Amino acid sequence: MPDRRRSVQALPPGRPGPAAVREQRVYGLNACLALFRQRPQDLRKVWLLESRLPALKPVLAWCVARRIGYSVVGDEDLRRLSGSGHHEGVVFAALAPVERSLDAWLRGLPAGPVLAVWLDGVGNPHNLGAILRSSAHFGVAGLLLPQGSSLGLSGAAARVAEGGAEQVPLVRLGRPDESLVRLEAAGFVAAATVVRGGQPLYGTVLPERLLLMMGAEGEGMDPALAGVAGMRLGIPGTGAVESLNVAAATAVFLGEWWRQHRT
């Protein structure tokens, strides 16, 4: 373990993380309905198209009972409010979910099989949303974000997640070496995902408590971080393309772990 600690300490510290945002815009019907089901107390304002009145009737009743404002607006208003043409007829203003610390997240984990995903350098919000959706589908216990990462939940990520953003907690890590020590002490085996030189995913027995480390969209895993992982995994294929998109690759890895350890 001392060797691992020294190796990971050599990783660059990265940029400071994003400032805490207490309110954000969430859009997309499934994303908004999932937010309302999970944490209605965080809702602050609703804008919607007239055509969405039937689907959002329970939300509007909640708003009326608690004197939370809502407005029936046009498509251009929703485009402006969401910053997207993919608003699906509704925008919420809501308090942003609070990211958990690693120690708090570890204390809340159950015994037995647990799957977690460490996102190393992933920056595209649409990829984050797709990863959240797959993570919710396959029962991931948490998405772990490096201390220096600017990645966080946005309206775009929540929409692509189709409700998955409300099911999978985001966990903000501290120093990478200290974080790995804590995770390994909790029984996790770290698996770096690589394009070349890894064990083929199919046919490899995956540990019950797996920390899946996914690399950035273009650069892949940081070599220093991959070097201290207990396993190196790759996805076999035809070789017609070099690799899968990070969101697609994550879904493949998650699905195989689920196949081996579903209860």
C-alpha atoms as a PDB file:
ATOM      1  CA  MET A   1       0.000   0.000   0.000  1.00  0.00           C
ATOM      2  CA  PRO A   2       2.775   2.580   0.668  1.00  0.00           C
ATOM      3  CA  ASP A   3       3.890   2.256  -2.949  1.00  0.00           C
ATOM      4  CA  ARG A   4       0.360   2.933  -4.130  1.00  0.00           C
ATOM      5  CA  ARG A   5       0.083   5.997  -1.960  1.00  0.00           C
ATOM      6  CA  ARG A   6       3.304   7.471  -3.348  1.00  0.00           C
ATOM      7  CA  SER A   7       2.211   6.777  -6.941  1.00  0.00           C
ATOM      8  CA  VAL A   8      -1.171   8.403  -6.586  1.00  0.00           C
ATOM      9  CA  GLN A   9       0.254  11.388  -4.740  1.00  0.00           C
ATOM     10  CA  ALA A  10       2.126  12.187  -7.935  1.00  0.00           C
ATOM     11  CA  LEU A  11      -1.143  12.915  -9.707  1.00  0.00           C
ATOM     12  CA  PRO A  12      -1.674  16.620 -10.480  1.00  0.00           C
ATOM     13  CA  PRO A  13      -4.100  18.266  -8.049  1.00  0.00           C
ATOM     14  CA  GLY A  14      -6.283  19.671 -10.850  1.00  0.00           C
ATOM     15  CA  ARG A  15      -8.448  22.736 -10.822  1.00  0.00           C
ATOM     16  CA  PRO A  16     -10.476  23.748  -7.802  1.00  0.00           C
ATOM     17  CA  GLY A  17     -13.949  22.231  -7.814  1.00  0.00           C
ATOM     18  CA  PRO A  18     -17.016  24.246  -8.773  1.00  0.00           C
ATOM     19  CA  ALA A  19     -18.480  26.621  -6.251  1.00  0.00           C
ATOM     20  CA  ALA A  20     -21.510  25.237  -4.460  1.00  0.00           C
ATOM     21  CA  VAL A  21     -24.652  26.144  -6.356  1.00  0.00           C
ATOM     22  CA  ARG A  22     -27.736  26.226  -4.194  1.00  0.00           C
ATOM     23  CA  GLU A  23     -30.335  26.567  -6.961  1.00  0.00           C
ATOM     24  CA  GLN A  24     -30.409  25.224 -10.497  1.00  0.00           C
ATOM     25  CA  ARG A  25     -32.711  24.727 -13.467  1.00  0.00           C
ATOM     26  CA  VAL A  26     -33.860  21.175 -14.172  1.00  0.00           C
ATOM     27  CA  TYR A  27     -35.767  20.392 -17.354  1.00  0.00           C
ATOM     28  CA  GLY A  28     -37.198  17.385 -19.155  1.00  0.00           C
ATOM     29  CA  LEU A  29     -40.410  15.675 -18.053  1.00  0.00           C
ATOM     30  CA  ASN A  30     -38.903  12.531 -16.510  1.00  0.00           C
ATOM     31  CA  ALA A  31     -36.118  14.468 -14.793  1.00  0.00           C
ATOM     32  CA  CYS A  32     -38.586  16.922 -13.269  1.00  0.00           C
ATOM     33  CA  LEU A  33     -41.049  14.254 -12.157  1.00  0.00           C
ATOM     34  CA  ALA A  34     -38.236  12.249 -10.555  1.00  0.00           C
ATOM     35  CA  LEU A  35     -37.057  15.337  -8.671  1.00  0.00           C
ATOM     36  CA  PHE A  36     -40.609  15.924  -7.429  1.00  0.00           C
ATOM     37  CA  ARG A  37     -40.963  12.322  -6.251  1.00  0.00           C
ATOM     38  CA  GLN A  38     -37.634  12.264  -4.422  1.00  0.00           C
ATOM     39  CA  ARG A  39     -37.307  15.767  -2.946  1.00  0.00           C
ATOM     40  CA  PRO A  40     -40.390  17.934  -3.478  1.00  0.00           C
ATOM     41  CA  GLN A  41     -39.278  20.196  -0.626  1.00  0.00           C
ATOM     42  CA  ASP A  42     -36.470  21.496  -2.859  1.00  0.00           C
ATOM     43  CA  LEU A  43     -38.832  22.809  -5.532  1.00  0.00           C
ATOM     44  CA  ARG A  44     -38.811  26.613  -5.866  1.00  0.00           C
ATOM     45  CA  LYS A  45     -40.573  27.494  -9.157  1.00  0.00           C
ATOM     46  CA  VAL A  46     -42.232  25.750 -12.115  1.00  0.00           C
ATOM     47  CA  TRP A  47     -42.619  26.873 -15.723  1.00  0.00           C
ATOM     48  CA  LEU A  48     -44.546  24.692 -18.156  1.00  0.00           C
ATOM     49  CA  LEU A  49     -46.353  24.544 -21.463  1.00  0.00           C
ATOM     50  CA  GLU A  50     -50.148  24.375 -21.351  1.00  0.00           C
ATOM     51  CA  SER A  51     -49.962  20.910 -22.883  1.00  0.00           C
ATOM     52  CA  ARG A  52     -48.082  19.673 -19.792  1.00  0.00           C
ATOM     53  CA  LEU A  53     -50.823  20.653 -17.332  1.00  0.00           C
ATOM     54  CA  PRO A  54     -52.323  17.113 -17.113  1.00  0.00           C
ATOM     55  CA  ALA A  55     -48.959  15.382 -16.571  1.00  0.00           C
ATOM     56  CA  LEU A  56     -47.920  17.895 -13.902  1.00  0.00           C
ATOM     57  CA  LYS A  57     -51.228  18.176 -12.047  1.00  0.00           C
ATOM     58  CA  PRO A  58     -49.837  16.697  -8.759  1.00  0.00           C
ATOM     59  CA  VAL A  59     -46.846  19.057  -8.937  1.00  0.00           C
ATOM     60  CA  LEU A  60     -49.059  22.089  -9.414  1.00  0.00           C
ATOM     61  CA  ALA A  61     -51.332  21.018  -6.559  1.00  0.00           C
ATOM     62  CA  TRP A  62     -48.240  20.844  -4.345  1.00  0.00           C
ATOM     63  CA  CYS A  63     -47.215  24.305  -5.500  1.00  0.00           C
ATOM     64  CA  VAL A  64     -50.630  25.786  -4.777  1.00  0.00           C
ATOM     65  CA  ALA A  65     -50.768  24.248  -1.299  1.00  0.00           C
ATOM     66  CA  ARG A  66     -47.340  25.663  -0.432  1.00  0.00           C
ATOM     67  CA  ARG A  67     -47.556  28.947  -2.295  1.00  0.00           C
ATOM     68  CA  ILE A  68     -44.805  28.009  -4.723  1.00  0.00           C
ATOM     69  CA  GLY A  69     -45.063  29.941  -7.963  1.00  0.00           C
ATOM     70  CA  TYR A  70     -45.772  28.337 -11.318  1.00  0.00           C
ATOM     71  CA  SER A  71     -46.318  29.862 -14.747  1.00  0.00           C
ATOM     72  CA  VAL A  72     -47.785  28.577 -17.999  1.00  0.00           C
ATOM     73  CA  VAL A  73     -45.442  29.932 -20.676  1.00  0.00           C
ATOM     74  CA  GLY A  74     -44.509  29.436 -24.322  1.00  0.00           C
ATOM     75  CA  ASP A  75     -41.835  27.354 -25.982  1.00  0.00           C
ATOM     76  CA  GLU A  76     -39.445  30.287 -26.417  1.00  0.00           C
ATOM     77  CA  ASP A  77     -39.681  31.088 -22.716  1.00  0.00           C
ATOM     78  CA  LEU A  78     -38.751  27.514 -21.827  1.00  0.00           C
ATOM     79  CA  ARG A  79     -35.855  27.575 -24.280  1.00  0.00           C
ATOM     80  CA  ARG A  80     -34.549  30.707 -22.604  1.00  0.00           C
ATOM     81  CA  LEU A  81     -35.082  29.397 -19.072  1.00  0.00           C
ATOM     82  CA  SER A  82     -33.459  26.032 -19.728  1.00  0.00           C
ATOM     83  CA  GLY A  83     -30.858  27.113 -22.275  1.00  0.00           C
ATOM     84  CA  SER A  84     -31.970  24.181 -24.415  1.00  0.00           C
ATOM     85  CA  GLY A  85     -34.478  23.214 -27.055  1.00  0.00           C
ATOM     86  CA  HIS A  86     -34.866  19.845 -25.309  1.00  0.00           C
ATOM     87  CA  HIS A  87     -36.887  21.123 -22.362  1.00  0.00           C
ATOM     88  CA  GLU A  88     -39.826  18.746 -23.056  1.00  0.00           C
ATOM     89  CA  GLY A  89     -42.333  21.330 -21.930  1.00  0.00           C
ATOM     90  CA  VAL A  90     -41.267  21.898 -18.323  1.00  0.00           C
ATOM     91  CA  VAL A  91     -38.547  23.637 -16.320  1.00  0.00           C
ATOM     92  CA  PHE A  92     -38.080  23.539 -12.560  1.00  0.00           C
ATOM     93  CA  ALA A  93     -36.055  25.880 -10.393  1.00  0.00           C
ATOM     94  CA  ALA A  94     -34.946  23.781  -7.422  1.00  0.00           C
ATOM     95  CA  LEU A  95     -32.251  23.556  -4.807  1.00  0.00           C
ATOM     96  CA  ALA A  96     -29.326  21.568  -6.127  1.00  0.00           C
ATOM     97  CA  PRO A  97     -28.736  18.194  -4.453  1.00  0.00           C
ATOM     98  CA  VAL A  98     -25.919  18.227  -1.947  1.00  0.00           C
ATOM     99  CA  GLU A  99     -22.862  16.185  -2.914  1.00  0.00           C
ATOM    100  CA  ARG A 100     -21.777  13.744  -0.226  1.00  0.00           C
ATOM    101  CA  SER A 101     -18.317  13.393   1.246  1.00  0.00           C
ATOM    102  CA  LEU A 102     -16.594  10.055   0.824  1.00  0.00           C
ATOM    103  CA  ASP A 103     -16.624   9.281   4.543  1.00  0.00           C
ATOM    104  CA  ALA A 104     -20.354  10.046   4.872  1.00  0.00           C
ATOM    105  CA  TRP A 105     -21.133   7.922   1.825  1.00  0.00           C
ATOM    106  CA  LEU A 106     -19.068   4.980   3.091  1.00  0.00           C
ATOM    107  CA  ARG A 107     -20.837   5.053   6.456  1.00  0.00           C
ATOM    108  CA  GLY A 108     -24.186   4.610   4.728  1.00  0.00           C
ATOM    109  CA  LEU A 109     -23.265   1.615   2.557  1.00  0.00           C
ATOM    110  CA  PRO A 110     -24.871  -1.769   3.188  1.00  0.00           C
ATOM    111  CA  ALA A 111     -22.920  -4.967   3.672  1.00  0.00           C
ATOM    112  CA  GLY A 112     -22.429  -7.263   0.711  1.00  0.00           C
ATOM    113  CA  PRO A 113     -22.101  -6.469  -3.004  1.00  0.00           C
ATOM    114  CA  VAL A 114     -21.685  -2.778  -3.820  1.00  0.00           C
ATOM    115  CA  LEU A 115     -20.772  -1.122  -7.116  1.00  0.00           C
ATOM    116  CA  ALA A 116     -19.281   2.377  -7.341  1.00  0.00           C
ATOM    117  CA  VAL A 117     -17.983   4.373 -10.310  1.00  0.00           C
ATOM    118  CA  TRP A 118     -15.025   6.774 -10.158  1.00  0.00           C
ATOM    119  CA  LEU A 119     -15.108   9.258 -13.069  1.00  0.00           C
ATOM    120  CA  ASP A 120     -11.547  10.293 -13.899  1.00  0.00           C
ATOM    121  CA  GLY A 121     -11.584  13.376 -16.112  1.00  0.00           C
ATOM    122  CA  VAL A 122     -15.045  12.913 -17.621  1.00  0.00           C
ATOM    123  CA  GLY A 123     -16.337  16.386 -18.455  1.00  0.00           C
ATOM    124  CA  ASN A 124     -19.243  16.125 -20.900  1.00  0.00           C
ATOM    125  CA  PRO A 125     -22.601  16.667 -19.128  1.00  0.00           C
ATOM    126  CA  HIS A 126     -24.435  14.469 -21.643  1.00  0.00           C
ATOM    127  CA  ASN A 127     -22.043  11.605 -20.894  1.00  0.00           C
ATOM    128  CA  LEU A 128     -22.567  12.197 -17.188  1.00  0.00           C
ATOM    129  CA  GLY A 129     -26.331  12.031 -17.718  1.00  0.00           C
ATOM    130  CA  ALA A 130     -26.073   8.791 -19.681  1.00  0.00           C
ATOM    131  CA  ILE A 131     -23.806   7.305 -17.004  1.00  0.00           C
ATOM    132  CA  LEU A 132     -26.282   8.317 -14.303  1.00  0.00           C
ATOM    133  CA  ARG A 133     -29.101   6.630 -16.225  1.00  0.00           C
ATOM    134  CA  SER A 134     -27.145   3.376 -16.604  1.00  0.00           C
ATOM    135  CA  SER A 135     -26.006   3.605 -12.991  1.00  0.00           C
ATOM    136  CA  ALA A 136     -29.571   3.868 -11.736  1.00  0.00           C
ATOM    137  CA  HIS A 137     -30.598   0.930 -13.928  1.00  0.00           C
ATOM    138  CA  PHE A 138     -27.820  -1.327 -12.624  1.00  0.00           C
ATOM    139  CA  GLY A 139     -27.923  -0.247  -8.979  1.00  0.00           C
ATOM    140  CA  VAL A 140     -24.717   1.766  -8.651  1.00  0.00           C
ATOM    141  CA  ALA A 141     -24.330   3.019  -5.095  1.00  0.00           C
ATOM    142  CA  GLY A 142     -22.527   6.247  -6.010  1.00  0.00           C
ATOM    143  CA  LEU A 143     -20.658   8.219  -8.657  1.00  0.00           C
ATOM    144  CA  LEU A 144     -17.330   9.395  -7.267  1.00  0.00           C
ATOM    145  CA  LEU A 145     -16.003  12.721  -8.567  1.00  0.00           C
ATOM    146  CA  PRO A 146     -12.370  13.791  -8.096  1.00  0.00           C
ATOM    147  CA  GLN A 147     -11.674  16.773  -5.887  1.00  0.00           C
ATOM    148  CA  GLY A 148     -10.365  18.890  -8.756  1.00  0.00           C
ATOM    149  CA  SER A 149     -13.076  17.980 -11.261  1.00  0.00           C
ATOM    150  CA  SER A 150     -15.419  20.664 -12.552  1.00  0.00           C
ATOM    151  CA  LEU A 151     -18.006  17.962 -13.257  1.00  0.00           C
ATOM    152  CA  GLY A 152     -21.286  18.217 -11.403  1.00  0.00           C
ATOM    153  CA  LEU A 153     -24.988  17.775 -11.936  1.00  0.00           C
ATOM    154  CA  SER A 154     -26.419  20.227 -14.482  1.00  0.00           C
ATOM    155  CA  GLY A 155     -29.811  20.598 -16.125  1.00  0.00           C
ATOM    156  CA  ALA A 156     -28.484  18.916 -19.264  1.00  0.00           C
ATOM    157  CA  ALA A 157     -27.089  15.964 -17.316  1.00  0.00           C
ATOM    158  CA  ALA A 158     -30.333  15.553 -15.351  1.00  0.00           C
ATOM    159  CA  ARG A 159     -32.431  15.546 -18.542  1.00  0.00           C
ATOM    160  CA  VAL A 160     -30.279  12.894 -20.227  1.00  0.00           C
ATOM    161  CA  ALA A 161     -30.364  10.820 -17.025  1.00  0.00           C
ATOM    162  CA  GLU A 162     -34.179  10.546 -17.343  1.00  0.00           C
ATOM    163  CA  GLY A 163     -34.642  10.458 -13.559  1.00  0.00           C
ATOM    164  CA  GLY A 164     -31.398   8.615 -12.758  1.00  0.00           C
ATOM    165  CA  ALA A 165     -29.858  11.748 -11.272  1.00  0.00           C
ATOM    166  CA  GLU A 166     -32.258  11.430  -8.335  1.00  0.00           C
ATOM    167  CA  GLN A 167     -31.330   7.792  -7.685  1.00  0.00           C
ATOM    168  CA  VAL A 168     -27.514   7.818  -7.665  1.00  0.00           C
ATOM    169  CA  PRO A 169     -25.656  10.046  -5.181  1.00  0.00           C
ATOM    170  CA  LEU A 170     -22.697  12.139  -6.311  1.00  0.00           C
ATOM    171  CA  VAL A 171     -19.716  11.799  -3.975  1.00  0.00           C
ATOM    172  CA  ARG A 172     -16.916  14.378  -3.954  1.00  0.00           C
ATOM    173  CA  LEU A 173     -13.525  12.818  -3.245  1.00  0.00           C
ATOM    174  CA  GLY A 174     -10.572  14.278  -1.419  1.00  0.00           C
ATOM    175  CA  ARG A 175      -6.922  13.478  -2.221  1.00  0.00           C
ATOM    176  CA  PRO A 176      -6.820  10.509  -4.595  1.00  0.00           C
ATOM    177  CA  ASP A 177      -4.342   8.499  -2.510  1.00  0.00           C
ATOM    178  CA  GLU A 178      -6.349   8.960   0.685  1.00  0.00           C
ATOM    179  CA  SER A 179      -9.600   8.208  -1.121  1.00  0.00           C
ATOM    180  CA  LEU A 180      -8.243   4.931  -2.492  1.00  0.00           C
ATOM    181  CA  VAL A 181      -7.025   3.895   0.953  1.00  0.00           C
ATOM    182  CA  ARG A 182     -10.481   4.515   2.455  1.00  0.00           C
ATOM    183  CA  LEU A 183     -12.236   2.675  -0.367  1.00  0.00           C
ATOM    184  CA  GLU A 184      -9.933  -0.326  -0.134  1.00  0.00           C
ATOM    185  CA  ALA A 185     -10.382  -0.400   3.642  1.00  0.00           C
ATOM    186  CA  ALA A 186     -14.144  -0.624   2.968  1.00  0.00           C
ATOM    187  CA  GLY A 187     -13.527  -3.725   0.846  1.00  0.00           C
ATOM    188  CA  PHE A 188     -13.541  -2.216  -2.636  1.00  0.00           C
ATOM    189  CA  VAL A 189     -11.271  -3.519  -5.375  1.00  0.00           C
ATOM    190  CA  ALA A 190     -10.353  -0.767  -7.844  1.00  0.00           C
ATOM    191  CA  ALA A 191     -10.595  -1.724 -11.518  1.00  0.00           C
ATOM    192  CA  ALA A 192      -9.097   0.614 -14.119  1.00  0.00           C
ATOM    193  CA  THR A 193     -10.806   0.445 -17.504  1.00  0.00           C
ATOM    194  CA  VAL A 194      -8.344   0.471 -20.395  1.00  0.00           C
ATOM    195  CA  VAL A 195      -8.464   0.188 -24.175  1.00  0.00           C
ATOM    196  CA  ARG A 196      -5.417  -2.102 -24.444  1.00  0.00           C
ATOM    197  CA  GLY A 197      -3.712  -4.538 -22.116  1.00  0.00           C
ATOM    198  CA  GLY A 198      -6.583  -5.241 -19.751  1.00  0.00           C
ATOM    199  CA  GLN A 199      -8.227  -8.496 -18.743  1.00  0.00           C
ATOM    200  CA  PRO A 200     -11.206  -9.231 -21.024  1.00  0.00           C
ATOM    201  CA  LEU A 201     -14.370  -8.257 -19.152  1.00  0.00           C
ATOM    202  CA  TYR A 202     -16.236 -11.384 -20.179  1.00  0.00           C
ATOM    203  CA  GLY A 203     -14.777 -14.359 -18.368  1.00  0.00           C
ATOM    204  CA  THR A 204     -13.301 -12.262 -15.553  1.00  0.00           C
ATOM    205  CA  VAL A 205     -14.811 -12.773 -12.112  1.00  0.00           C
ATOM    206  CA  LEU A 206     -15.634  -9.304 -10.813  1.00  0.00           C
ATOM    207  CA  PRO A 207     -15.354  -8.597  -7.079  1.00  0.00           C
ATOM    208  CA  GLU A 208     -18.497  -8.100  -5.019  1.00  0.00           C
ATOM    209  CA  ARG A 209     -17.377  -4.632  -3.980  1.00  0.00           C
ATOM    210  CA  LEU A 210     -16.118  -3.092  -7.196  1.00  0.00           C
ATOM    211  CA  LEU A 211     -14.781   0.417  -7.753  1.00  0.00           C
ATOM    212  CA  LEU A 212     -14.992   0.918 -11.513  1.00  0.00           C
ATOM    213  CA  MET A 213     -12.631   3.685 -12.659  1.00  0.00           C
ATOM    214  CA  MET A 214     -13.703   5.264 -15.958  1.00  0.00           C
ATOM    215  CA  GLY A 215     -11.403   7.592 -17.900  1.00  0.00           C
ATOM    216  CA  ALA A 216     -11.962  10.826 -19.787  1.00  0.00           C
ATOM    217  CA  GLU A 217     -13.714  10.891 -23.163  1.00  0.00           C
ATOM    218  CA  GLY A 218     -10.576  11.538 -25.198  1.00  0.00           C
ATOM    219  CA  GLU A 219      -7.537  10.747 -23.045  1.00  0.00           C
ATOM    220  CA  GLY A 220      -8.784   7.718 -21.148  1.00  0.00           C
ATOM    221  CA  MET A 221      -7.598   6.823 -17.656  1.00  0.00           C
ATOM    222  CA  ASP A 222      -4.753   8.778 -16.102  1.00  0.00           C
ATOM    223  CA  PRO A 223      -1.811   6.307 -16.270  1.00  0.00           C
ATOM    224  CA  ALA A 224      -0.787   7.051 -12.678  1.00  0.00           C
ATOM    225  CA  LEU A 225      -4.266   6.295 -11.413  1.00  0.00           C
ATOM    226  CA  ALA A 226      -4.620   3.193 -13.585  1.00  0.00           C
ATOM    227  CA  GLY A 227      -1.256   1.992 -12.288  1.00  0.00           C
ATOM    228  CA  VAL A 228      -2.439   1.702  -8.686  1.00  0.00           C
ATOM    229  CA  ALA A 229      -5.692  -0.121  -9.453  1.00  0.00           C
ATOM    230  CA  GLY A 230      -5.982  -3.739  -8.365  1.00  0.00           C
ATOM    231  CA  MET A 231      -7.404  -4.775 -11.749  1.00  0.00           C
ATOM    232  CA  ARG A 232      -7.260  -3.578 -15.368  1.00  0.00           C
ATOM    233  CA  LEU A 233     -10.312  -4.393 -17.473  1.00  0.00           C
ATOM    234  CA  GLY A 234     -11.090  -4.050 -21.171  1.00  0.00           C
ATOM    235  CA  ILE A 235     -14.132  -4.721 -23.350  1.00  0.00           C
ATOM    236  CA  PRO A 236     -13.463  -7.231 -26.146  1.00  0.00           C
ATOM    237  CA  GLY A 237     -14.803  -6.334 -29.571  1.00  0.00           C
ATOM    238  CA  THR A 238     -14.178  -6.554 -33.298  1.00  0.00           C
ATOM    239  CA  GLY A 239     -11.482  -3.881 -33.342  1.00  0.00           C
ATOM    240  CA  ALA A 240     -13.359  -1.972 -36.043  1.00  0.00           C
ATOM    241  CA  VAL A 241     -13.209   1.073 -33.758  1.00  0.00           C
ATOM    242  CA  GLU A 242     -10.628   1.808 -31.078  1.00  0.00           C
ATOM    243  CA  SER A 243     -13.034   2.029 -28.167  1.00  0.00           C
ATOM    244  CA  LEU A 244     -16.548   2.818 -27.004  1.00  0.00           C
ATOM    245  CA  ASN A 245     -17.824   6.176 -25.850  1.00  0.00           C
ATOM    246  CA  VAL A 246     -17.287   6.461 -22.085  1.00  0.00           C
ATOM    247  CA  ALA A 247     -21.029   6.326 -21.357  1.00  0.00           C
ATOM    248  CA  ALA A 248     -21.549   3.265 -23.550  1.00  0.00           C
ATOM    249  CA  ALA A 249     -18.503   1.543 -22.063  1.00  0.00           C
ATOM    250  CA  THR A 250     -19.714   2.253 -18.532  1.00  0.00           C
ATOM    251  CA  ALA A 251     -23.052   0.617 -19.301  1.00  0.00           C
ATOM    252  CA  VAL A 252     -21.282  -2.511 -20.575  1.00  0.00           C
ATOM    253  CA  PHE A 253     -19.146  -2.830 -17.440  1.00  0.00           C
ATOM    254  CA  LEU A 254     -22.102  -2.180 -15.139  1.00  0.00           C
ATOM    255  CA  GLY A 255     -24.246  -4.724 -16.917  1.00  0.00           C
ATOM    256  CA  GLU A 256     -21.640  -7.469 -16.512  1.00  0.00           C
ATOM    257  CA  TRP A 257     -21.187  -6.741 -12.798  1.00  0.00           C
ATOM    258  CA  TRP A 258     -24.982  -6.835 -12.381  1.00  0.00           C
ATOM    259  CA  ARG A 259     -25.175 -10.166 -14.222  1.00  0.00           C
ATOM    260  CA  GLN A 260     -22.634 -11.685 -11.855  1.00  0.00           C
ATOM    261  CA  HIS A 261     -23.908 -10.216  -8.585  1.00  0.00           C
ATOM    262  CA  ARG A 262     -27.619  -9.430  -8.923  1.00  0.00           C
ATOM    263  CA  THR A 263     -29.662 -10.741  -6.037  1.00  0.00           C
END
